C-alpha atoms as a PDB file:
ATOM      1  CA  MET A   1     -22.612 -13.342  -2.442  1.00  0.00           C
ATOM      2  CA  ARG A   2     -20.395 -16.262  -3.144  1.00  0.00           C
ATOM      3  CA  LEU A   3     -16.750 -15.614  -2.474  1.00  0.00           C
ATOM      4  CA  LYS A   4     -14.871 -18.546  -3.925  1.00  0.00           C
ATOM      5  CA  VAL A   5     -11.352 -19.547  -2.920  1.00  0.00           C
ATOM      6  CA  VAL A   6      -9.502 -22.031  -5.112  1.00  0.00           C
ATOM      7  CA  ILE A   7      -6.301 -23.730  -3.943  1.00  0.00           C
ATOM      8  CA  PRO A   8      -4.208 -24.648  -7.002  1.00  0.00           C
ATOM      9  CA  PRO A   9      -1.673 -27.484  -6.993  1.00  0.00           C
ATOM     10  CA  ARG A  10       1.849 -26.778  -5.732  1.00  0.00           C
ATOM     11  CA  ASN A  11       3.760 -24.714  -8.276  1.00  0.00           C
ATOM     12  CA  ARG A  12       6.458 -22.129  -8.746  1.00  0.00           C
ATOM     13  CA  ARG A  13       4.851 -20.160 -11.585  1.00  0.00           C
ATOM     14  CA  PHE A  14       5.441 -16.408 -11.254  1.00  0.00           C
ATOM     15  CA  SER A  15       2.102 -14.716 -10.556  1.00  0.00           C
ATOM     16  CA  THR A  16       0.624 -11.313  -9.749  1.00  0.00           C
ATOM     17  CA  VAL A  17       1.204 -11.886  -6.030  1.00  0.00           C
ATOM     18  CA  ASP A  18       4.859 -12.646  -6.777  1.00  0.00           C
ATOM     19  CA  ALA A  19       5.137  -9.403  -8.769  1.00  0.00           C
ATOM     20  CA  MET A  20       3.589  -7.498  -5.850  1.00  0.00           C
ATOM     21  CA  GLY A  21       6.031  -9.222  -3.499  1.00  0.00           C
ATOM     22  CA  LEU A  22       8.993  -8.294  -5.670  1.00  0.00           C
ATOM     23  CA  ALA A  23       7.778  -4.685  -5.812  1.00  0.00           C
ATOM     24  CA  GLY A  24       7.344  -4.766  -2.035  1.00  0.00           C
ATOM     25  CA  VAL A  25      10.858  -6.076  -1.426  1.00  0.00           C
ATOM     26  CA  VAL A  26      12.444  -3.525  -3.751  1.00  0.00           C
ATOM     27  CA  GLY A  27      10.313  -0.634  -2.497  1.00  0.00           C
ATOM     28  CA  LEU A  28      10.827  -1.328   1.181  1.00  0.00           C
ATOM     29  CA  LEU A  29      14.578  -1.935   0.740  1.00  0.00           C
ATOM     30  CA  VAL A  30      14.911   1.368  -1.116  1.00  0.00           C
ATOM     31  CA  ALA A  31      12.847   3.111   1.575  1.00  0.00           C
ATOM     32  CA  ARG A  32      14.980   1.534   4.294  1.00  0.00           C
ATOM     33  CA  TYR A  33      18.441   2.214   2.906  1.00  0.00           C
ATOM     34  CA  ILE A  34      18.214   5.077   0.373  1.00  0.00           C
ATOM     35  CA  PRO A  35      17.018   8.523   1.522  1.00  0.00           C
ATOM     36  CA  VAL A  36      15.228   9.246  -1.764  1.00  0.00           C
ATOM     37  CA  ALA A  37      13.544  12.448  -0.537  1.00  0.00           C
ATOM     38  CA  ARG A  38      16.931  13.910   0.433  1.00  0.00           C
ATOM     39  CA  ILE A  39      19.023  12.943  -2.591  1.00  0.00           C
ATOM     40  CA  ILE A  40      16.580  13.695  -5.431  1.00  0.00           C
ATOM     41  CA  PRO A  41      16.164  17.470  -5.625  1.00  0.00           C
ATOM     42  CA  PHE A  42      12.736  17.481  -7.286  1.00  0.00           C
ATOM     43  CA  TRP A  43      11.242  14.880  -4.913  1.00  0.00           C
ATOM     44  CA  GLY A  44       8.056  16.064  -3.242  1.00  0.00           C
ATOM     45  CA  CYS A  45       4.466  16.948  -3.905  1.00  0.00           C
ATOM     46  CA  VAL A  46       4.194  19.722  -6.477  1.00  0.00           C
ATOM     47  CA  LEU A  47       0.503  20.269  -5.673  1.00  0.00           C
ATOM     48  CA  ARG A  48       1.252  20.733  -1.982  1.00  0.00           C
ATOM     49  CA  GLU A  49       4.241  22.974  -2.695  1.00  0.00           C
ATOM     50  CA  GLN A  50       2.219  25.206  -5.040  1.00  0.00           C
ATOM     51  CA  THR A  51      -1.160  25.276  -3.272  1.00  0.00           C
ATOM     52  CA  GLY A  52      -0.621  24.036   0.271  1.00  0.00           C
ATOM     53  CA  TRP A  53      -3.161  21.264  -0.352  1.00  0.00           C
ATOM     54  CA  PRO A  54      -2.055  17.629  -0.315  1.00  0.00           C
ATOM     55  CA  CYS A  55      -2.544  15.254  -3.226  1.00  0.00           C
ATOM     56  CA  LEU A  56      -4.025  11.753  -2.932  1.00  0.00           C
ATOM     57  CA  GLY A  57      -0.543  10.288  -2.550  1.00  0.00           C
ATOM     58  CA  CYS A  58       0.828  12.739  -0.015  1.00  0.00           C
ATOM     59  CA  GLY A  59       2.628  10.928   2.757  1.00  0.00           C
ATOM     60  CA  LEU A  60       3.460   7.773   0.807  1.00  0.00           C
ATOM     61  CA  THR A  61       7.229   8.356   0.928  1.00  0.00           C
ATOM     62  CA  ARG A  62       6.984   8.781   4.709  1.00  0.00           C
ATOM     63  CA  VAL A  63       4.798   5.656   4.885  1.00  0.00           C
ATOM     64  CA  ALA A  64       7.365   3.548   3.014  1.00  0.00           C
ATOM     65  CA  ASP A  65      10.202   4.899   5.156  1.00  0.00           C
ATOM     66  CA  ARG A  66       8.334   4.348   8.415  1.00  0.00           C
ATOM     67  CA  VAL A  67       7.029   0.874   7.534  1.00  0.00           C
ATOM     68  CA  SER A  68      10.552  -0.168   6.503  1.00  0.00           C
ATOM     69  CA  HIS A  69      11.709   0.942   9.961  1.00  0.00           C
ATOM     70  CA  LEU A  70       8.737  -0.852  11.590  1.00  0.00           C
ATOM     71  CA  ASN A  71       7.221   2.450  12.769  1.00  0.00           C
ATOM     72  CA  PHE A  72       3.634   1.504  11.960  1.00  0.00           C
ATOM     73  CA  ALA A  73       2.039   4.217  14.132  1.00  0.00           C
ATOM     74  CA  GLY A  74       4.048   6.923  12.354  1.00  0.00           C
ATOM     75  CA  ALA A  75       3.178   5.429   8.978  1.00  0.00           C
ATOM     76  CA  TRP A  76      -0.519   5.336   9.879  1.00  0.00           C
ATOM     77  CA  GLU A  77      -0.355   8.994  10.894  1.00  0.00           C
ATOM     78  CA  ALA A  78       1.189   9.945   7.526  1.00  0.00           C
ATOM     79  CA  ASN A  79      -1.360   8.095   5.365  1.00  0.00           C
ATOM     80  CA  PRO A  80      -3.571   5.258   6.701  1.00  0.00           C
ATOM     81  CA  LEU A  81      -4.445   3.718   3.340  1.00  0.00           C
ATOM     82  CA  GLY A  82      -0.813   3.914   2.237  1.00  0.00           C
ATOM     83  CA  THR A  83       0.153   2.058   5.416  1.00  0.00           C
ATOM     84  CA  VAL A  84      -2.305  -0.729   4.621  1.00  0.00           C
ATOM     85  CA  ALA A  85      -0.906  -0.918   1.077  1.00  0.00           C
ATOM     86  CA  ALA A  86       2.706  -1.043   2.321  1.00  0.00           C
ATOM     87  CA  ILE A  87       1.850  -3.845   4.739  1.00  0.00           C
ATOM     88  CA  VAL A  88       0.056  -5.749   1.955  1.00  0.00           C
ATOM     89  CA  PHE A  89       3.172  -5.415  -0.228  1.00  0.00           C
ATOM     90  CA  ALA A  90       5.349  -6.660   2.651  1.00  0.00           C
ATOM     91  CA  LEU A  91       3.027  -9.642   3.178  1.00  0.00           C
ATOM     92  CA  ALA A  92       3.103 -10.315  -0.556  1.00  0.00           C
ATOM     93  CA  ALA A  93       6.908 -10.451  -0.296  1.00  0.00           C
ATOM     94  CA  VAL A  94       6.645 -13.154   2.374  1.00  0.00           C
ATOM     95  CA  VAL A  95       4.126 -15.098   0.267  1.00  0.00           C
ATOM     96  CA  MET A  96       6.384 -14.705  -2.782  1.00  0.00           C
ATOM     97  CA  VAL A  97       9.308 -16.306  -0.958  1.00  0.00           C
ATOM     98  CA  LEU A  98       7.144 -19.166   0.335  1.00  0.00           C
ATOM     99  CA  HIS A  99       5.681 -19.679  -3.129  1.00  0.00           C
ATOM    100  CA  LEU A 100       8.868 -19.538  -5.187  1.00  0.00           C
ATOM    101  CA  VAL A 101      11.157 -21.323  -2.729  1.00  0.00           C
ATOM    102  CA  PHE A 102       8.824 -23.937  -1.231  1.00  0.00           C
ATOM    103  CA  ALA A 103       6.236 -24.186  -4.068  1.00  0.00           C
ATOM    104  CA  MET A 104       3.480 -23.150  -1.688  1.00  0.00           C
ATOM    105  CA  PRO A 105       0.261 -22.724  -3.664  1.00  0.00           C
ATOM    106  CA  ILE A 106      -1.231 -19.232  -3.629  1.00  0.00           C
ATOM    107  CA  PRO A 107      -5.001 -19.330  -3.085  1.00  0.00           C
ATOM    108  CA  GLN A 108      -6.971 -17.703  -5.884  1.00  0.00           C
ATOM    109  CA  VAL A 109      -9.955 -15.618  -4.809  1.00  0.00           C
ATOM    110  CA  GLU A 110     -12.867 -15.323  -7.224  1.00  0.00           C
ATOM    111  CA  LEU A 111     -15.548 -12.684  -6.669  1.00  0.00           C
ATOM    112  CA  SER A 112     -19.102 -12.789  -7.920  1.00  0.00           C
ATOM    113  CA  PRO A 113     -20.403  -9.911 -10.096  1.00  0.00           C
ATOM    114  CA  ARG A 114     -22.259  -8.555  -7.047  1.00  0.00           C
ATOM    115  CA  GLU A 115     -19.068  -8.620  -4.961  1.00  0.00           C
ATOM    116  CA  TRP A 116     -17.214  -6.761  -7.728  1.00  0.00           C
ATOM    117  CA  SER A 117     -19.999  -4.157  -7.718  1.00  0.00           C
ATOM    118  CA  VAL A 118     -19.768  -3.712  -3.952  1.00  0.00           C
ATOM    119  CA  LEU A 119     -16.000  -3.413  -4.230  1.00  0.00           C
ATOM    120  CA  GLY A 120     -16.444  -0.800  -6.973  1.00  0.00           C
ATOM    121  CA  VAL A 121     -18.592   1.322  -4.630  1.00  0.00           C
ATOM    122  CA  VAL A 122     -16.637   0.796  -1.403  1.00  0.00           C
ATOM    123  CA  THR A 123     -13.155   1.422  -2.849  1.00  0.00           C
ATOM    124  CA  PRO A 124     -13.724   5.074  -3.889  1.00  0.00           C
ATOM    125  CA  ILE A 125     -15.389   5.746  -0.525  1.00  0.00           C
ATOM    126  CA  ILE A 126     -12.353   4.385   1.339  1.00  0.00           C
ATOM    127  CA  ILE A 127     -10.036   6.469  -0.871  1.00  0.00           C
ATOM    128  CA  LEU A 128     -12.094   9.627  -0.225  1.00  0.00           C
ATOM    129  CA  VAL A 129     -12.183   9.046   3.546  1.00  0.00           C
ATOM    130  CA  ASN A 130      -8.405   8.516   3.535  1.00  0.00           C
ATOM    131  CA  TYR A 131      -7.909  11.694   1.481  1.00  0.00           C
ATOM    132  CA  ALA A 132     -10.163  13.629   3.855  1.00  0.00           C
ATOM    133  CA  TYR A 133      -7.957  12.484   6.741  1.00  0.00           C
ATOM    134  CA  VAL A 134      -4.775  13.544   4.893  1.00  0.00           C
ATOM    135  CA  VAL A 135      -6.306  16.959   4.099  1.00  0.00           C
ATOM    136  CA  VAL A 136      -7.419  17.523   7.688  1.00  0.00           C
ATOM    137  CA  LYS A 137      -4.052  16.328   9.026  1.00  0.00           C
ATOM    138  CA  THR A 138      -2.199  18.663   6.651  1.00  0.00           C
ATOM    139  CA  ARG A 139      -4.411  21.762   6.570  1.00  0.00           C
ATOM    140  CA  PHE A 140      -6.427  21.631   9.788  1.00  0.00           C
ATOM    141  CA  PRO A 141      -4.440  19.604  12.347  1.00  0.00           C
ATOM    142  CA  HIS A 142      -6.149  21.434  15.207  1.00  0.00           C
ATOM    143  CA  LEU A 143      -9.367  19.581  14.329  1.00  0.00           C
ATOM    144  CA  LEU A 144      -7.791  16.227  15.199  1.00  0.00           C
ATOM    145  CA  LEU A 145      -7.625  15.212  18.825  1.00  0.00           C
END
């Protein structure tokens, strides 16, 4: 494995990390100040409403709301992987400001083909473990300590 990190020269070019940061700022501000789940009548998980079983994204609205209120434990309880994603988006927002305001270079990470393969195997496993937790939390909460 040969993870390679490249530090580019100082710049203010809009990048993928900046786009993630912008999405993070908008998403967390909406979650913080607009009660989306209360004001949009069709908001919610149709699968869970119809079958009682959660979908892969169940809990993400609660995660965004709780992370925006700095309730990380509550967010983790709602959906652990969603909490990690929300925190990554918040960190991307900080990096975006540093990059666009102060021209801080954003390191570029390059993965080898083997590292991409490992990532391709590990990612679905992490998603399945997270989904298993959400299912157990929703359908069988008595199994959790």
